[in-house]
Amino acid sequence: MKPERYLVVHQSRDREPTEYEDLLGDALERAFADGISDLDSLVAALNALDAPSPRNETWTTDLFLAEMKRLSA
């Protein structure tokens, strides 16, 4: 019998999240919990929730994709 696989939620990070990352993550979780699943609606929700963004810019699709790429590197 194979042992069950498990994932420790934070096993791949090498540091604690910043306050910015925590607040952005909270806003993303709230949007997903509200049933939002498409990119345009997600970006609109981030703006409506006043989620933090780089340099306090208004979220756009391009900015969101660039920031997710930067944060995942």
N, C-alpha and C. Protein backbone atom coordinates (compact mmCIF):
# COMPACT_ATOMS: atom_id res chain seq x y z
N MET A 1 0.84 -1.18 0.00
CA MET A 1 0.00 0.00 0.00
C MET A 1 0.89 1.24 0.00
N LYS A 2 0.60 2.17 -0.93
CA LYS A 2 1.36 3.40 -1.02
C LYS A 2 0.97 4.35 0.10
N PRO A 3 1.93 5.06 0.65
CA PRO A 3 1.55 6.08 1.65
C PRO A 3 0.80 7.21 0.95
N GLU A 4 -0.11 7.83 1.67
CA GLU A 4 -0.85 8.96 1.09
C GLU A 4 0.10 10.12 0.87
N ARG A 5 -0.11 10.78 -0.26
CA ARG A 5 0.68 11.97 -0.55
C ARG A 5 0.02 13.15 0.14
N TYR A 6 0.81 14.07 0.56
CA TYR A 6 0.26 15.26 1.19
C TYR A 6 1.09 16.46 0.79
N LEU A 7 0.51 17.59 0.93
CA LEU A 7 1.18 18.83 0.61
C LEU A 7 1.08 19.74 1.82
N VAL A 8 2.21 20.14 2.31
CA VAL A 8 2.24 21.15 3.35
C VAL A 8 2.08 22.48 2.62
N VAL A 9 1.09 23.23 2.98
CA VAL A 9 0.70 24.41 2.20
C VAL A 9 1.87 25.32 1.87
N HIS A 10 2.76 25.52 2.79
CA HIS A 10 3.84 26.49 2.58
C HIS A 10 5.20 25.81 2.35
N GLN A 11 5.20 24.58 1.88
CA GLN A 11 6.46 23.86 1.78
C GLN A 11 7.40 24.41 0.71
N SER A 12 6.90 25.14 -0.25
CA SER A 12 7.77 25.60 -1.32
C SER A 12 8.22 27.05 -1.18
N ARG A 13 7.80 27.72 -0.15
CA ARG A 13 8.23 29.11 -0.01
C ARG A 13 9.50 29.18 0.83
N ASP A 14 10.28 30.21 0.56
CA ASP A 14 11.54 30.37 1.27
C ASP A 14 11.55 31.56 2.23
N ARG A 15 10.38 32.19 2.37
CA ARG A 15 10.26 33.33 3.29
C ARG A 15 8.79 33.55 3.60
N GLU A 16 8.51 34.33 4.60
CA GLU A 16 7.15 34.70 4.93
C GLU A 16 6.64 35.68 3.87
N PRO A 17 5.35 35.65 3.56
CA PRO A 17 4.81 36.62 2.60
C PRO A 17 4.87 38.03 3.17
N THR A 18 5.02 38.99 2.28
CA THR A 18 5.01 40.39 2.70
C THR A 18 3.57 40.80 2.99
N GLU A 19 3.40 41.95 3.61
CA GLU A 19 2.06 42.46 3.88
C GLU A 19 1.31 42.66 2.56
N TYR A 20 2.00 43.17 1.55
CA TYR A 20 1.40 43.35 0.23
C TYR A 20 0.89 42.02 -0.31
N GLU A 21 1.71 40.98 -0.24
CA GLU A 21 1.31 39.67 -0.74
C GLU A 21 0.13 39.10 0.04
N ASP A 22 0.13 39.30 1.35
CA ASP A 22 -1.00 38.84 2.18
C ASP A 22 -2.30 39.54 1.79
N LEU A 23 -2.25 40.86 1.63
CA LEU A 23 -3.45 41.62 1.29
C LEU A 23 -3.95 41.27 -0.11
N LEU A 24 -3.03 41.12 -1.05
CA LEU A 24 -3.42 40.73 -2.40
C LEU A 24 -4.01 39.33 -2.39
N GLY A 25 -3.39 38.42 -1.66
CA GLY A 25 -3.92 37.06 -1.56
C GLY A 25 -5.31 37.04 -0.94
N ASP A 26 -5.52 37.85 0.08
CA ASP A 26 -6.85 37.93 0.71
C ASP A 26 -7.89 38.40 -0.30
N ALA A 27 -7.55 39.41 -1.10
CA ALA A 27 -8.49 39.93 -2.10
C ALA A 27 -8.77 38.87 -3.17
N LEU A 28 -7.75 38.15 -3.58
CA LEU A 28 -7.95 37.09 -4.58
C LEU A 28 -8.85 35.99 -4.02
N GLU A 29 -8.60 35.59 -2.78
CA GLU A 29 -9.43 34.56 -2.15
C GLU A 29 -10.89 35.02 -2.06
N ARG A 30 -11.09 36.27 -1.72
CA ARG A 30 -12.47 36.80 -1.62
C ARG A 30 -13.16 36.78 -2.98
N ALA A 31 -12.42 37.20 -4.01
CA ALA A 31 -12.99 37.19 -5.36
C ALA A 31 -13.35 35.77 -5.80
N PHE A 32 -12.46 34.82 -5.56
CA PHE A 32 -12.73 33.44 -5.94
C PHE A 32 -13.91 32.88 -5.13
N ALA A 33 -13.99 33.24 -3.87
CA ALA A 33 -15.10 32.79 -3.02
C ALA A 33 -16.44 33.35 -3.51
N ASP A 34 -16.39 34.51 -4.15
CA ASP A 34 -17.60 35.11 -4.72
C ASP A 34 -17.96 34.51 -6.07
N GLY A 35 -17.19 33.52 -6.50
CA GLY A 35 -17.51 32.82 -7.74
C GLY A 35 -16.88 33.41 -8.98
N ILE A 36 -15.99 34.35 -8.82
CA ILE A 36 -15.35 34.97 -9.97
C ILE A 36 -14.31 34.01 -10.53
N SER A 37 -14.36 33.80 -11.83
CA SER A 37 -13.42 32.85 -12.43
C SER A 37 -12.81 33.33 -13.74
N ASP A 38 -13.28 34.45 -14.28
CA ASP A 38 -12.65 34.94 -15.51
C ASP A 38 -11.77 36.15 -15.19
N LEU A 39 -10.78 36.35 -16.01
CA LEU A 39 -9.75 37.34 -15.74
C LEU A 39 -10.29 38.77 -15.65
N ASP A 40 -11.14 39.16 -16.58
CA ASP A 40 -11.66 40.53 -16.55
C ASP A 40 -12.45 40.81 -15.28
N SER A 41 -13.26 39.84 -14.87
CA SER A 41 -14.04 40.02 -13.63
C SER A 41 -13.14 40.02 -12.41
N LEU A 42 -12.08 39.23 -12.46
CA LEU A 42 -11.13 39.20 -11.34
C LEU A 42 -10.43 40.55 -11.19
N VAL A 43 -10.00 41.11 -12.30
CA VAL A 43 -9.35 42.42 -12.27
C VAL A 43 -10.32 43.48 -11.76
N ALA A 44 -11.57 43.43 -12.22
CA ALA A 44 -12.57 44.38 -11.73
C ALA A 44 -12.79 44.22 -10.23
N ALA A 45 -12.81 42.98 -9.76
CA ALA A 45 -13.00 42.73 -8.32
C ALA A 45 -11.82 43.27 -7.51
N LEU A 46 -10.61 43.10 -8.00
CA LEU A 46 -9.44 43.63 -7.29
C LEU A 46 -9.55 45.14 -7.15
N ASN A 47 -10.00 45.79 -8.20
CA ASN A 47 -10.18 47.25 -8.13
C ASN A 47 -11.31 47.61 -7.18
N ALA A 48 -12.42 46.89 -7.23
CA ALA A 48 -13.55 47.17 -6.34
C ALA A 48 -13.19 46.94 -4.88
N LEU A 49 -12.34 45.93 -4.64
CA LEU A 49 -11.91 45.62 -3.27
C LEU A 49 -10.76 46.51 -2.81
N ASP A 50 -10.31 47.39 -3.70
CA ASP A 50 -9.17 48.28 -3.42
C ASP A 50 -7.94 47.46 -3.02
N ALA A 51 -7.73 46.35 -3.73
CA ALA A 51 -6.57 45.49 -3.46
C ALA A 51 -5.29 46.23 -3.82
N PRO A 52 -4.26 46.05 -3.02
CA PRO A 52 -3.01 46.74 -3.32
C PRO A 52 -2.44 46.27 -4.65
N SER A 53 -1.78 47.19 -5.34
CA SER A 53 -1.13 46.87 -6.60
C SER A 53 0.24 47.53 -6.62
N PRO A 54 1.07 47.11 -7.56
CA PRO A 54 2.39 47.75 -7.65
C PRO A 54 2.22 49.26 -7.87
N ARG A 55 2.93 50.03 -7.13
CA ARG A 55 2.92 51.49 -7.24
C ARG A 55 1.51 52.07 -7.15
N ASN A 56 0.60 51.37 -6.47
CA ASN A 56 -0.78 51.83 -6.27
C ASN A 56 -1.50 52.17 -7.58
N GLU A 57 -1.20 51.42 -8.62
CA GLU A 57 -1.85 51.61 -9.91
C GLU A 57 -3.21 50.92 -9.91
N THR A 58 -4.07 51.32 -10.80
CA THR A 58 -5.32 50.61 -11.02
C THR A 58 -4.99 49.28 -11.68
N TRP A 59 -5.62 48.21 -11.19
CA TRP A 59 -5.38 46.90 -11.79
C TRP A 59 -5.91 46.87 -13.22
N THR A 60 -5.11 46.33 -14.11
CA THR A 60 -5.52 46.03 -15.49
C THR A 60 -5.17 44.57 -15.72
N THR A 61 -5.68 44.02 -16.79
CA THR A 61 -5.36 42.64 -17.12
C THR A 61 -3.86 42.47 -17.30
N ASP A 62 -3.25 43.37 -18.05
CA ASP A 62 -1.80 43.26 -18.29
C ASP A 62 -1.01 43.39 -17.00
N LEU A 63 -1.41 44.33 -16.14
CA LEU A 63 -0.70 44.50 -14.87
C LEU A 63 -0.86 43.25 -14.00
N PHE A 64 -2.07 42.70 -13.95
CA PHE A 64 -2.29 41.49 -13.15
C PHE A 64 -1.43 40.34 -13.64
N LEU A 65 -1.41 40.10 -14.94
CA LEU A 65 -0.61 38.99 -15.49
C LEU A 65 0.87 39.20 -15.23
N ALA A 66 1.35 40.43 -15.38
CA ALA A 66 2.76 40.73 -15.12
C ALA A 66 3.09 40.53 -13.64
N GLU A 67 2.18 40.94 -12.76
CA GLU A 67 2.45 40.81 -11.31
C GLU A 67 2.41 39.36 -10.88
N MET A 68 1.50 38.57 -11.42
CA MET A 68 1.47 37.14 -11.09
C MET A 68 2.74 36.45 -11.58
N LYS A 69 3.23 36.85 -12.73
CA LYS A 69 4.49 36.29 -13.24
C LYS A 69 5.65 36.68 -12.33
N ARG A 70 5.68 37.95 -11.92
CA ARG A 70 6.77 38.41 -11.04
C ARG A 70 6.72 37.69 -9.69
N LEU A 71 5.54 37.58 -9.12
CA LEU A 71 5.41 36.95 -7.80
C LEU A 71 5.69 35.45 -7.84
N SER A 72 5.50 34.83 -8.97
CA SER A 72 5.70 33.38 -9.05
C SER A 72 7.15 33.00 -9.39
N ALA A 73 7.95 33.99 -9.68
CA ALA A 73 9.35 33.71 -10.05
C ALA A 73 10.18 33.31 -8.86
